[in-house]
Amino acid sequence: MAAYVQDVIMLVGDSLTQGGFVPHGFAQQLAHVYNRKLDVFNRGLSGYNTTWGLPVFEQVFAKQHEQQHVPKVRLLTIWYGANDACIPPSPQHVPLPEFSANLRTMIRSVTSPSSPHYSAITKIILITPPPVNTHQRGADLASRDPPRPLDREFETTHQYAEAVKIVGAQEGVPVIDLWTILYDACGRVEEKLSEYLYDGLHVNQKGYQVVFDEIIKTVSKHYPELHYDKLQNVFIGHADINFENLRESLQKRIAMPSPIPASK
């Protein structure tokens, strides 16, 4: 069993999150820049919506009485909506009010002192679903055996993205408006979203680069103390080892903000 030595960044969501460890995915890049400082736990589950994600979240996020024995979640990303926005009667569809309520429940389970999962040190970032390219998505579904009808609508997904922004504003949680960022980046032409989506629904390498960049921007703006440049390595660099007190100098440290160098 691995010992607890580092706190973590936890990623929850659907396939967009699950795929974050593909080469050059956003989770892979986070793991790289936070190496030796914070581990990255990917709890994205392909196909899931917020209604199915809630019971899972209650299991993967430790309760208060458990938190002293497990890695602390310092940063939590919540990225849902792509499946919730499916067209009824898809079983993945979650009505918009319920979707908003589910997001609010996840947030408050962490931020409310009365919650069993309350964690004062956990910072949260919400991410909206990306826009759907119905031209790509429709072609992909039509090519399957048997062919399947289009299961998502451009404007419907936009409504779910807007709902994420509203919940974030109400709960005081920063939001990465990926829907608007990608739509603007392709000149607000739906067909050109193929530059960022490989099948009309899931982001490609270029799309994941945007997600990673936006997470770092959001951390820098809202949680600067958690920026990777502000955290120290849990285990010191080899050049700093004290060979006269070897064992003591190799004890783990908390990845607290690095001391600010004294001005010269």
C-alpha atoms as a PDB file:
ATOM      1  CA  MET A   1       0.000   0.000   0.000  1.00  0.00           C
ATOM      2  CA  ALA A   2       1.354   3.421  -0.937  1.00  0.00           C
ATOM      3  CA  ALA A   3       1.999   5.723   2.012  1.00  0.00           C
ATOM      4  CA  TYR A   4       0.448   9.183   2.220  1.00  0.00           C
ATOM      5  CA  VAL A   5       3.199  11.636   1.352  1.00  0.00           C
ATOM      6  CA  GLN A   6       1.598  14.184  -0.991  1.00  0.00           C
ATOM      7  CA  ASP A   7      -1.697  16.035  -1.146  1.00  0.00           C
ATOM      8  CA  VAL A   8      -3.650  15.931  -4.385  1.00  0.00           C
ATOM      9  CA  ILE A   9      -5.497  17.603  -7.190  1.00  0.00           C
ATOM     10  CA  MET A  10      -8.756  15.701  -7.784  1.00  0.00           C
ATOM     11  CA  LEU A  11     -10.513  15.774 -11.156  1.00  0.00           C
ATOM     12  CA  VAL A  12     -14.161  14.672 -11.306  1.00  0.00           C
ATOM     13  CA  GLY A  13     -16.423  14.539 -14.330  1.00  0.00           C
ATOM     14  CA  ASP A  14     -17.290  12.478 -17.377  1.00  0.00           C
ATOM     15  CA  SER A  15     -15.264  11.160 -20.341  1.00  0.00           C
ATOM     16  CA  LEU A  16     -13.750  14.585 -20.950  1.00  0.00           C
ATOM     17  CA  THR A  17     -12.077  14.251 -17.559  1.00  0.00           C
ATOM     18  CA  GLN A  18     -11.392  10.523 -17.847  1.00  0.00           C
ATOM     19  CA  GLY A  19      -9.509  11.175 -21.081  1.00  0.00           C
ATOM     20  CA  GLY A  20      -7.298  13.757 -19.417  1.00  0.00           C
ATOM     21  CA  PHE A  21      -4.361  11.358 -19.160  1.00  0.00           C
ATOM     22  CA  VAL A  22      -4.071  10.773 -22.910  1.00  0.00           C
ATOM     23  CA  PRO A  23      -0.769  12.077 -24.319  1.00  0.00           C
ATOM     24  CA  HIS A  24      -0.752  15.853 -23.825  1.00  0.00           C
ATOM     25  CA  GLY A  25      -4.099  15.700 -22.007  1.00  0.00           C
ATOM     26  CA  PHE A  26      -4.811  18.241 -19.302  1.00  0.00           C
ATOM     27  CA  ALA A  27      -4.429  15.734 -16.452  1.00  0.00           C
ATOM     28  CA  GLN A  28      -1.103  14.536 -17.803  1.00  0.00           C
ATOM     29  CA  GLN A  29       0.153  18.108 -18.009  1.00  0.00           C
ATOM     30  CA  LEU A  30      -1.048  18.865 -14.482  1.00  0.00           C
ATOM     31  CA  ALA A  31       0.754  15.774 -13.210  1.00  0.00           C
ATOM     32  CA  HIS A  32       3.919  16.967 -14.934  1.00  0.00           C
ATOM     33  CA  VAL A  33       4.005  20.540 -13.592  1.00  0.00           C
ATOM     34  CA  TYR A  34       2.910  19.465 -10.087  1.00  0.00           C
ATOM     35  CA  ASN A  35       5.318  16.520  -9.969  1.00  0.00           C
ATOM     36  CA  ARG A  36       6.845  16.096  -6.459  1.00  0.00           C
ATOM     37  CA  LYS A  37       4.331  18.646  -5.112  1.00  0.00           C
ATOM     38  CA  LEU A  38       0.768  17.391  -5.621  1.00  0.00           C
ATOM     39  CA  ASP A  39      -0.464  14.120  -7.086  1.00  0.00           C
ATOM     40  CA  VAL A  40      -3.298  14.121  -9.631  1.00  0.00           C
ATOM     41  CA  PHE A  41      -6.257  11.811  -8.972  1.00  0.00           C
ATOM     42  CA  ASN A  42      -8.468  11.367 -12.043  1.00  0.00           C
ATOM     43  CA  ARG A  43     -12.015  10.342 -11.108  1.00  0.00           C
ATOM     44  CA  GLY A  44     -13.596  11.063 -14.479  1.00  0.00           C
ATOM     45  CA  LEU A  45     -16.096   8.404 -15.547  1.00  0.00           C
ATOM     46  CA  SER A  46     -17.021   8.084 -19.213  1.00  0.00           C
ATOM     47  CA  GLY A  47     -20.734   8.387 -19.919  1.00  0.00           C
ATOM     48  CA  TYR A  48     -21.639   9.725 -16.487  1.00  0.00           C
ATOM     49  CA  ASN A  49     -23.875  12.681 -15.754  1.00  0.00           C
ATOM     50  CA  THR A  50     -24.176  14.645 -12.505  1.00  0.00           C
ATOM     51  CA  THR A  51     -26.964  12.457 -11.134  1.00  0.00           C
ATOM     52  CA  TRP A  52     -24.802   9.356 -11.433  1.00  0.00           C
ATOM     53  CA  GLY A  53     -21.705  11.264 -10.435  1.00  0.00           C
ATOM     54  CA  LEU A  54     -23.077  12.397  -7.067  1.00  0.00           C
ATOM     55  CA  PRO A  55     -23.054   8.954  -5.365  1.00  0.00           C
ATOM     56  CA  VAL A  56     -19.570   8.368  -6.758  1.00  0.00           C
ATOM     57  CA  PHE A  57     -18.362  11.732  -5.485  1.00  0.00           C
ATOM     58  CA  GLU A  58     -19.560  10.847  -1.993  1.00  0.00           C
ATOM     59  CA  GLN A  59     -17.297   7.787  -2.133  1.00  0.00           C
ATOM     60  CA  VAL A  60     -14.167   9.284  -3.685  1.00  0.00           C
ATOM     61  CA  PHE A  61     -14.071  12.449  -1.545  1.00  0.00           C
ATOM     62  CA  ALA A  62     -13.145  11.566   2.041  1.00  0.00           C
ATOM     63  CA  LYS A  63     -15.388  12.412   4.967  1.00  0.00           C
ATOM     64  CA  GLN A  64     -14.113  14.689   7.705  1.00  0.00           C
ATOM     65  CA  HIS A  65     -13.203  11.876  10.097  1.00  0.00           C
ATOM     66  CA  GLU A  66     -11.234  10.145   7.321  1.00  0.00           C
ATOM     67  CA  GLN A  67      -9.315  13.156   6.044  1.00  0.00           C
ATOM     68  CA  GLN A  68      -6.475  13.008   8.544  1.00  0.00           C
ATOM     69  CA  HIS A  69      -5.484   9.574   7.231  1.00  0.00           C
ATOM     70  CA  VAL A  70      -5.625  10.223   3.470  1.00  0.00           C
ATOM     71  CA  PRO A  71      -4.157  12.742   1.001  1.00  0.00           C
ATOM     72  CA  LYS A  72      -5.874  16.116   1.292  1.00  0.00           C
ATOM     73  CA  VAL A  73      -7.592  17.447  -1.815  1.00  0.00           C
ATOM     74  CA  ARG A  74      -6.061  20.875  -2.325  1.00  0.00           C
ATOM     75  CA  LEU A  75      -7.689  21.546  -5.707  1.00  0.00           C
ATOM     76  CA  LEU A  76     -10.893  20.028  -7.102  1.00  0.00           C
ATOM     77  CA  THR A  77     -12.105  20.418 -10.688  1.00  0.00           C
ATOM     78  CA  ILE A  78     -15.733  19.600 -11.505  1.00  0.00           C
ATOM     79  CA  TRP A  79     -16.397  19.173 -15.229  1.00  0.00           C
ATOM     80  CA  TYR A  80     -19.876  17.942 -16.155  1.00  0.00           C
ATOM     81  CA  GLY A  81     -22.634  18.854 -18.582  1.00  0.00           C
ATOM     82  CA  ALA A  82     -21.728  17.172 -21.868  1.00  0.00           C
ATOM     83  CA  ASN A  83     -23.853  14.114 -21.032  1.00  0.00           C
ATOM     84  CA  ASP A  84     -26.457  15.863 -18.866  1.00  0.00           C
ATOM     85  CA  ALA A  85     -27.314  17.877 -21.999  1.00  0.00           C
ATOM     86  CA  CYS A  86     -28.251  14.791 -24.040  1.00  0.00           C
ATOM     87  CA  ILE A  87     -31.623  14.956 -25.776  1.00  0.00           C
ATOM     88  CA  PRO A  88     -34.464  13.052 -24.027  1.00  0.00           C
ATOM     89  CA  PRO A  89     -35.245  10.181 -23.865  1.00  0.00           C
ATOM     90  CA  SER A  90     -31.543   9.394 -23.510  1.00  0.00           C
ATOM     91  CA  PRO A  91     -30.895   7.922 -20.035  1.00  0.00           C
ATOM     92  CA  GLN A  92     -27.954  10.326 -19.762  1.00  0.00           C
ATOM     93  CA  HIS A  93     -30.247  13.363 -19.942  1.00  0.00           C
ATOM     94  CA  VAL A  94     -30.593  15.363 -16.715  1.00  0.00           C
ATOM     95  CA  PRO A  95     -33.134  18.227 -16.666  1.00  0.00           C
ATOM     96  CA  LEU A  96     -31.452  21.609 -16.417  1.00  0.00           C
ATOM     97  CA  PRO A  97     -32.739  22.484 -12.910  1.00  0.00           C
ATOM     98  CA  GLU A  98     -31.595  19.092 -11.599  1.00  0.00           C
ATOM     99  CA  PHE A  99     -28.215  19.532 -13.262  1.00  0.00           C
ATOM    100  CA  SER A 100     -27.724  22.868 -11.501  1.00  0.00           C
ATOM    101  CA  ALA A 101     -28.868  21.391  -8.199  1.00  0.00           C
ATOM    102  CA  ASN A 102     -26.448  18.480  -8.560  1.00  0.00           C
ATOM    103  CA  LEU A 103     -23.511  20.813  -9.153  1.00  0.00           C
ATOM    104  CA  ARG A 104     -24.555  22.882  -6.162  1.00  0.00           C
ATOM    105  CA  THR A 105     -24.738  19.755  -4.009  1.00  0.00           C
ATOM    106  CA  MET A 106     -21.216  18.709  -5.005  1.00  0.00           C
ATOM    107  CA  ILE A 107     -19.845  22.145  -4.215  1.00  0.00           C
ATOM    108  CA  ARG A 108     -21.623  22.489  -0.893  1.00  0.00           C
ATOM    109  CA  SER A 109     -20.616  19.004   0.183  1.00  0.00           C
ATOM    110  CA  VAL A 110     -17.069  20.404   0.242  1.00  0.00           C
ATOM    111  CA  THR A 111     -17.688  24.018   1.302  1.00  0.00           C
ATOM    112  CA  SER A 112     -20.429  23.642   3.939  1.00  0.00           C
ATOM    113  CA  PRO A 113     -19.106  23.114   7.504  1.00  0.00           C
ATOM    114  CA  SER A 114     -22.161  20.977   8.239  1.00  0.00           C
ATOM    115  CA  SER A 115     -21.338  18.527   5.447  1.00  0.00           C
ATOM    116  CA  PRO A 116     -19.714  15.166   6.278  1.00  0.00           C
ATOM    117  CA  HIS A 117     -17.264  15.891   3.431  1.00  0.00           C
ATOM    118  CA  TYR A 118     -16.401  19.448   4.457  1.00  0.00           C
ATOM    119  CA  SER A 119     -12.837  20.446   3.648  1.00  0.00           C
ATOM    120  CA  ALA A 120     -11.712  23.992   4.412  1.00  0.00           C
ATOM    121  CA  ILE A 121      -8.473  23.664   2.437  1.00  0.00           C
ATOM    122  CA  THR A 122     -10.043  22.432  -0.809  1.00  0.00           C
ATOM    123  CA  LYS A 123     -10.303  24.974  -3.616  1.00  0.00           C
ATOM    124  CA  ILE A 124     -12.805  24.316  -6.412  1.00  0.00           C
ATOM    125  CA  ILE A 125     -12.890  25.115 -10.126  1.00  0.00           C
ATOM    126  CA  LEU A 126     -15.957  24.486 -12.311  1.00  0.00           C
ATOM    127  CA  ILE A 127     -15.560  23.828 -16.041  1.00  0.00           C
ATOM    128  CA  THR A 128     -18.401  24.193 -18.537  1.00  0.00           C
ATOM    129  CA  PRO A 129     -18.988  21.586 -21.221  1.00  0.00           C
ATOM    130  CA  PRO A 130     -17.448  22.502 -24.577  1.00  0.00           C
ATOM    131  CA  PRO A 131     -19.753  23.364 -27.462  1.00  0.00           C
ATOM    132  CA  VAL A 132     -20.928  20.374 -29.453  1.00  0.00           C
ATOM    133  CA  ASN A 133     -20.266  20.241 -33.194  1.00  0.00           C
ATOM    134  CA  THR A 134     -23.478  18.598 -34.346  1.00  0.00           C
ATOM    135  CA  HIS A 135     -22.071  18.146 -37.872  1.00  0.00           C
ATOM    136  CA  GLN A 136     -19.190  16.030 -36.588  1.00  0.00           C
ATOM    137  CA  ARG A 137     -21.291  14.306 -33.940  1.00  0.00           C
ATOM    138  CA  GLY A 138     -24.057  13.462 -36.404  1.00  0.00           C
ATOM    139  CA  ALA A 139     -21.594  11.990 -38.906  1.00  0.00           C
ATOM    140  CA  ASP A 140     -19.918   9.924 -36.190  1.00  0.00           C
ATOM    141  CA  LEU A 141     -23.208   8.474 -34.940  1.00  0.00           C
ATOM    142  CA  ALA A 142     -24.487   7.828 -38.476  1.00  0.00           C
ATOM    143  CA  SER A 143     -21.349   5.804 -39.250  1.00  0.00           C
ATOM    144  CA  ARG A 144     -21.960   3.328 -36.446  1.00  0.00           C
ATOM    145  CA  ASP A 145     -23.511  -0.120 -36.826  1.00  0.00           C
ATOM    146  CA  PRO A 146     -26.396   0.266 -36.435  1.00  0.00           C
ATOM    147  CA  PRO A 147     -26.552   3.998 -37.196  1.00  0.00           C
ATOM    148  CA  ARG A 148     -27.680   6.197 -34.334  1.00  0.00           C
ATOM    149  CA  PRO A 149     -29.575   9.497 -34.468  1.00  0.00           C
ATOM    150  CA  LEU A 150     -28.081  12.769 -33.255  1.00  0.00           C
ATOM    151  CA  ASP A 151     -28.225  12.808 -29.445  1.00  0.00           C
ATOM    152  CA  ARG A 152     -27.168  16.385 -28.661  1.00  0.00           C
ATOM    153  CA  GLU A 153     -28.079  19.884 -29.782  1.00  0.00           C
ATOM    154  CA  PHE A 154     -25.784  22.876 -30.066  1.00  0.00           C
ATOM    155  CA  GLU A 155     -27.984  25.359 -28.224  1.00  0.00           C
ATOM    156  CA  THR A 156     -29.017  22.860 -25.531  1.00  0.00           C
ATOM    157  CA  THR A 157     -25.404  22.270 -24.561  1.00  0.00           C
ATOM    158  CA  HIS A 158     -24.959  26.045 -24.476  1.00  0.00           C
ATOM    159  CA  GLN A 159     -27.770  26.271 -21.914  1.00  0.00           C
ATOM    160  CA  TYR A 160     -25.999  23.765 -19.687  1.00  0.00           C
ATOM    161  CA  ALA A 161     -22.747  25.710 -20.016  1.00  0.00           C
ATOM    162  CA  GLU A 162     -24.582  28.871 -18.952  1.00  0.00           C
ATOM    163  CA  ALA A 163     -26.036  26.987 -15.981  1.00  0.00           C
ATOM    164  CA  VAL A 164     -22.528  26.103 -14.806  1.00  0.00           C
ATOM    165  CA  LYS A 165     -21.609  29.788 -14.889  1.00  0.00           C
ATOM    166  CA  ILE A 166     -24.688  30.725 -12.878  1.00  0.00           C
ATOM    167  CA  VAL A 167     -23.986  28.092 -10.218  1.00  0.00           C
ATOM    168  CA  GLY A 168     -20.380  29.225  -9.990  1.00  0.00           C
ATOM    169  CA  ALA A 169     -21.408  32.849  -9.500  1.00  0.00           C
ATOM    170  CA  GLN A 170     -23.957  31.909  -6.846  1.00  0.00           C
ATOM    171  CA  GLU A 171     -21.541  29.671  -4.950  1.00  0.00           C
ATOM    172  CA  GLY A 172     -18.489  31.900  -5.267  1.00  0.00           C
ATOM    173  CA  VAL A 173     -16.571  29.317  -7.312  1.00  0.00           C
ATOM    174  CA  PRO A 174     -14.487  30.330 -10.347  1.00  0.00           C
ATOM    175  CA  VAL A 175     -15.663  28.945 -13.678  1.00  0.00           C
ATOM    176  CA  ILE A 176     -13.709  28.126 -16.815  1.00  0.00           C
ATOM    177  CA  ASP A 177     -16.168  28.974 -19.596  1.00  0.00           C
ATOM    178  CA  LEU A 178     -14.807  26.430 -22.035  1.00  0.00           C
ATOM    179  CA  TRP A 179     -17.921  26.685 -24.206  1.00  0.00           C
ATOM    180  CA  THR A 180     -17.316  30.357 -24.999  1.00  0.00           C
ATOM    181  CA  ILE A 181     -13.526  30.057 -25.167  1.00  0.00           C
ATOM    182  CA  LEU A 182     -13.623  27.340 -27.843  1.00  0.00           C
ATOM    183  CA  TYR A 183     -16.518  28.861 -29.778  1.00  0.00           C
ATOM    184  CA  ASP A 184     -14.759  32.222 -29.908  1.00  0.00           C
ATOM    185  CA  ALA A 185     -11.473  30.564 -30.863  1.00  0.00           C
ATOM    186  CA  CYS A 186     -13.036  29.088 -34.022  1.00  0.00           C
ATOM    187  CA  GLY A 187     -14.686  32.355 -35.048  1.00  0.00           C
ATOM    188  CA  ARG A 188     -18.090  31.323 -33.674  1.00  0.00           C
ATOM    189  CA  VAL A 189     -18.586  28.929 -36.596  1.00  0.00           C
ATOM    190  CA  GLU A 190     -19.865  25.553 -35.396  1.00  0.00           C
ATOM    191  CA  GLU A 191     -18.285  23.533 -38.203  1.00  0.00           C
ATOM    192  CA  LYS A 192     -14.849  24.923 -37.319  1.00  0.00           C
ATOM    193  CA  LEU A 193     -15.062  23.390 -33.838  1.00  0.00           C
ATOM    194  CA  SER A 194     -13.435  20.341 -35.427  1.00  0.00           C
ATOM    195  CA  GLU A 195     -10.187  22.180 -34.726  1.00  0.00           C
ATOM    196  CA  TYR A 196     -10.720  21.429 -31.019  1.00  0.00           C
ATOM    197  CA  LEU A 197     -13.054  18.379 -31.062  1.00  0.00           C
ATOM    198  CA  TYR A 198     -12.127  15.060 -32.650  1.00  0.00           C
ATOM    199  CA  ASP A 199     -15.669  13.681 -32.901  1.00  0.00           C
ATOM    200  CA  GLY A 200     -17.877  16.695 -32.265  1.00  0.00           C
ATOM    201  CA  LEU A 201     -18.134  15.940 -28.548  1.00  0.00           C
ATOM    202  CA  HIS A 202     -14.718  15.171 -27.075  1.00  0.00           C
ATOM    203  CA  VAL A 203     -11.802  17.572 -27.127  1.00  0.00           C
ATOM    204  CA  ASN A 204      -8.627  16.674 -28.979  1.00  0.00           C
ATOM    205  CA  GLN A 205      -5.036  17.468 -28.036  1.00  0.00           C
ATOM    206  CA  LYS A 206      -5.476  21.136 -28.948  1.00  0.00           C
ATOM    207  CA  GLY A 207      -8.656  21.303 -26.889  1.00  0.00           C
ATOM    208  CA  TYR A 208      -6.970  19.736 -23.869  1.00  0.00           C
ATOM    209  CA  GLN A 209      -4.176  22.280 -24.171  1.00  0.00           C
ATOM    210  CA  VAL A 210      -6.781  25.017 -23.776  1.00  0.00           C
ATOM    211  CA  VAL A 211      -8.217  23.282 -20.709  1.00  0.00           C
ATOM    212  CA  PHE A 212      -4.802  22.973 -19.076  1.00  0.00           C
ATOM    213  CA  ASP A 213      -3.888  26.578 -19.840  1.00  0.00           C
ATOM    214  CA  GLU A 214      -7.186  27.834 -18.452  1.00  0.00           C
ATOM    215  CA  ILE A 215      -6.810  25.822 -15.242  1.00  0.00           C
ATOM    216  CA  ILE A 216      -3.383  27.339 -14.632  1.00  0.00           C
ATOM    217  CA  LYS A 217      -4.739  30.837 -15.400  1.00  0.00           C
ATOM    218  CA  THR A 218      -7.605  30.276 -12.977  1.00  0.00           C
ATOM    219  CA  VAL A 219      -5.297  29.004 -10.249  1.00  0.00           C
ATOM    220  CA  SER A 220      -3.008  31.995 -10.782  1.00  0.00           C
ATOM    221  CA  LYS A 221      -5.903  34.432 -10.467  1.00  0.00           C
ATOM    222  CA  HIS A 222      -8.022  32.875  -7.735  1.00  0.00           C
ATOM    223  CA  TYR A 223      -5.736  30.478  -5.837  1.00  0.00           C
ATOM    224  CA  PRO A 224      -2.192  31.774  -6.440  1.00  0.00           C
ATOM    225  CA  GLU A 225      -0.887  29.952  -3.377  1.00  0.00           C
ATOM    226  CA  LEU A 226      -1.572  26.690  -5.245  1.00  0.00           C
ATOM    227  CA  HIS A 227       0.333  27.589  -8.387  1.00  0.00           C
ATOM    228  CA  TYR A 228       3.043  25.004  -8.971  1.00  0.00           C
ATOM    229  CA  ASP A 229       5.725  27.698  -8.863  1.00  0.00           C
ATOM    230  CA  LYS A 230       4.610  28.623  -5.326  1.00  0.00           C
ATOM    231  CA  LEU A 231       4.787  25.088  -3.925  1.00  0.00           C
ATOM    232  CA  GLN A 232       7.900  23.388  -2.637  1.00  0.00           C
ATOM    233  CA  ASN A 233       8.860  19.794  -3.399  1.00  0.00           C
ATOM    234  CA  VAL A 234       7.661  17.342  -0.777  1.00  0.00           C
ATOM    235  CA  PHE A 235      11.111  15.737  -0.816  1.00  0.00           C
ATOM    236  CA  ILE A 236      14.065  18.081  -1.165  1.00  0.00           C
ATOM    237  CA  GLY A 237      16.246  18.224  -4.232  1.00  0.00           C
ATOM    238  CA  HIS A 238      19.379  16.107  -4.250  1.00  0.00           C
ATOM    239  CA  ALA A 239      21.593  19.195  -4.096  1.00  0.00           C
ATOM    240  CA  ASP A 240      20.025  20.150  -0.743  1.00  0.00           C
ATOM    241  CA  ILE A 241      20.601  16.833   1.016  1.00  0.00           C
ATOM    242  CA  ASN A 242      22.425  17.237   4.321  1.00  0.00           C
ATOM    243  CA  PHE A 243      24.876  14.356   4.303  1.00  0.00           C
ATOM    244  CA  GLU A 244      25.746  14.929   7.952  1.00  0.00           C
ATOM    245  CA  ASN A 245      22.093  14.478   8.920  1.00  0.00           C
ATOM    246  CA  LEU A 246      20.910  12.330   6.042  1.00  0.00           C
ATOM    247  CA  ARG A 247      17.742  10.733   7.399  1.00  0.00           C
ATOM    248  CA  GLU A 248      16.443  13.955   8.931  1.00  0.00           C
ATOM    249  CA  SER A 249      16.997  15.964   5.759  1.00  0.00           C
ATOM    250  CA  LEU A 250      15.094  13.382   3.684  1.00  0.00           C
ATOM    251  CA  GLN A 251      11.849  13.591   5.640  1.00  0.00           C
ATOM    252  CA  LYS A 252       8.752  14.595   3.691  1.00  0.00           C
ATOM    253  CA  ARG A 253       7.487  18.158   3.829  1.00  0.00           C
ATOM    254  CA  ILE A 254       4.085  19.663   3.101  1.00  0.00           C
ATOM    255  CA  ALA A 255       4.015  21.360  -0.294  1.00  0.00           C
ATOM    256  CA  MET A 256       3.387  24.714   1.378  1.00  0.00           C
ATOM    257  CA  PRO A 257       4.009  27.936  -0.478  1.00  0.00           C
ATOM    258  CA  SER A 258       7.732  28.386  -0.922  1.00  0.00           C
ATOM    259  CA  PRO A 259       9.303  31.141   1.150  1.00  0.00           C
ATOM    260  CA  ILE A 260       9.542  34.453  -0.703  1.00  0.00           C
ATOM    261  CA  PRO A 261      13.238  35.202  -1.310  1.00  0.00           C
ATOM    262  CA  ALA A 262      14.482  38.236   0.570  1.00  0.00           C
ATOM    263  CA  SER A 263      14.887  41.277  -1.630  1.00  0.00           C
ATOM    264  CA  LYS A 264      18.471  42.255  -2.330  1.00  0.00           C
END
